[in-house]
């Protein structure tokens, strides 16, 4: 099942104090003013999600075509996701983890 931005927003709405905003002039999701997900331009493609470097390495090593990166993101804790290929349940988990990396302690409890 292909995901789209509206479905990403709906999943993220389950997370406390998530707001729809913009980042680099593209749609983004934020918590406490901090971006945890951003829809890249159509030319760039994909959804950027913050994650740990270990998680990024594991996702890329999995061979799942839903996950990719570019040289721009080398060394950074973020993964790029093809929404038309990602498993919705896995996207939910990745969104939650991305949210946790940016949410203040009071919200993570």
Protein backbone atom coordinates (compact mmCIF):
# COMPACT_ATOMS: atom_id res chain seq x y z
CA UNK A 1 0.00 0.00 0.00
CA UNK A 2 1.50 3.32 -1.07
CA UNK A 3 1.60 5.99 1.61
CA UNK A 4 1.19 9.71 1.00
CA UNK A 5 1.86 12.88 3.00
CA UNK A 6 -1.71 13.05 4.37
CA UNK A 7 -1.34 9.51 5.75
CA UNK A 8 2.03 10.41 7.29
CA UNK A 9 0.37 13.41 8.98
CA UNK A 10 -2.45 11.18 10.24
CA UNK A 11 0.05 8.72 11.78
CA UNK A 12 2.02 11.56 13.37
CA UNK A 13 -1.15 13.12 14.78
CA UNK A 14 -1.22 10.22 17.26
CA UNK A 15 1.99 11.58 18.82
CA UNK A 16 1.61 14.28 21.51
CA UNK A 17 2.03 17.92 20.48
CA UNK A 18 2.92 17.14 16.87
CA UNK A 19 2.37 20.08 14.57
CA UNK A 20 2.28 20.32 10.79
CA UNK A 21 4.69 23.03 9.70
CA UNK A 22 7.34 23.68 7.07
CA UNK A 23 11.10 23.19 6.89
CA UNK A 24 13.22 24.36 3.97
CA UNK A 25 9.98 25.49 2.32
CA UNK A 26 8.58 21.94 2.29
CA UNK A 27 5.90 20.29 4.47
CA UNK A 28 7.27 19.11 7.80
CA UNK A 29 6.28 17.64 11.15
CA UNK A 30 7.56 19.20 14.35
CA UNK A 31 7.37 18.65 18.08
CA UNK A 32 8.28 21.49 20.44
CA UNK A 33 9.38 23.49 17.41
CA UNK A 34 11.86 20.83 16.26
CA UNK A 35 11.53 19.07 12.91
CA UNK A 36 11.43 15.27 13.04
CA UNK A 37 10.12 14.57 9.52
CA UNK A 38 10.15 16.54 6.28
CA UNK A 39 8.67 15.85 2.87
CA UNK A 40 11.38 16.60 0.35
CA UNK A 41 10.58 18.38 -2.91
CA UNK A 42 9.14 16.30 -5.72
CA UNK A 43 12.45 16.60 -7.59
CA UNK A 44 14.38 15.31 -4.54
CA UNK A 45 11.85 12.63 -3.66
CA UNK A 46 11.11 10.89 -0.40
CA UNK A 47 10.40 11.65 3.22
CA UNK A 48 13.30 12.55 5.54
CA UNK A 49 13.06 11.11 9.04
CA UNK A 50 15.51 11.62 11.88
CA UNK A 51 16.96 8.41 13.29
CA UNK A 52 20.08 7.11 14.96
CA UNK A 53 23.12 6.36 12.82
CA UNK A 54 22.91 2.67 13.80
CA UNK A 55 19.25 2.52 12.74
CA UNK A 56 20.09 4.26 9.46
CA UNK A 57 22.86 1.74 8.74
CA UNK A 58 20.54 -1.18 9.54
CA UNK A 59 17.74 0.15 7.32
CA UNK A 60 20.13 0.69 4.41
CA UNK A 61 21.76 -2.72 4.93
CA UNK A 62 18.36 -4.44 4.97
CA UNK A 63 18.10 -4.09 1.20
CA UNK A 64 14.53 -2.79 1.52
CA UNK A 65 14.06 -0.47 -1.49
CA UNK A 66 11.89 1.85 0.63
CA UNK A 67 15.00 3.24 2.36
CA UNK A 68 17.75 5.29 0.79
CA UNK A 69 20.11 8.16 1.40
CA UNK A 70 22.09 10.72 -0.57
CA UNK A 71 25.56 12.17 -0.13
CA UNK A 72 23.94 15.24 1.45
CA UNK A 73 22.87 13.09 4.42
CA UNK A 74 26.16 11.17 4.83
CA UNK A 75 27.15 11.15 8.49
CA UNK A 76 23.79 12.51 9.65
CA UNK A 77 21.17 10.68 11.67
CA UNK A 78 18.42 10.73 9.09
CA UNK A 79 16.97 8.25 6.62
CA UNK A 80 15.11 8.91 3.39
CA UNK A 81 11.95 6.94 2.73
CA UNK A 82 10.10 6.22 -0.53
CA UNK A 83 6.47 6.61 0.62
CA UNK A 84 5.19 4.53 -2.27
CA UNK A 85 7.28 1.55 -1.10
CA UNK A 86 7.37 1.70 2.70
CA UNK A 87 5.42 -0.68 4.92
CA UNK A 88 2.87 1.47 6.83
CA UNK A 89 3.55 -0.25 10.17
CA UNK A 90 7.28 0.24 9.81
CA UNK A 91 6.71 3.88 8.88
CA UNK A 92 4.63 4.31 12.05
CA UNK A 93 7.51 2.92 14.13
CA UNK A 94 10.09 5.12 12.38
CA UNK A 95 7.89 8.21 12.82
CA UNK A 96 7.52 7.44 16.52
CA UNK A 97 11.27 7.03 16.92
CA UNK A 98 11.94 10.24 14.97
CA UNK A 99 9.45 12.04 17.22
CA UNK A 100 11.22 10.66 20.32
CA UNK A 101 14.58 12.00 19.13
CA UNK A 102 13.19 15.55 19.11
CA UNK A 103 10.47 15.56 21.79
CA UNK A 104 11.23 17.06 25.19
CA UNK A 105 11.56 14.62 28.11
CA UNK A 106 8.18 15.65 29.55
CA UNK A 107 6.45 14.36 26.39
CA UNK A 108 8.47 11.15 26.06
CA UNK A 109 7.30 9.78 29.42
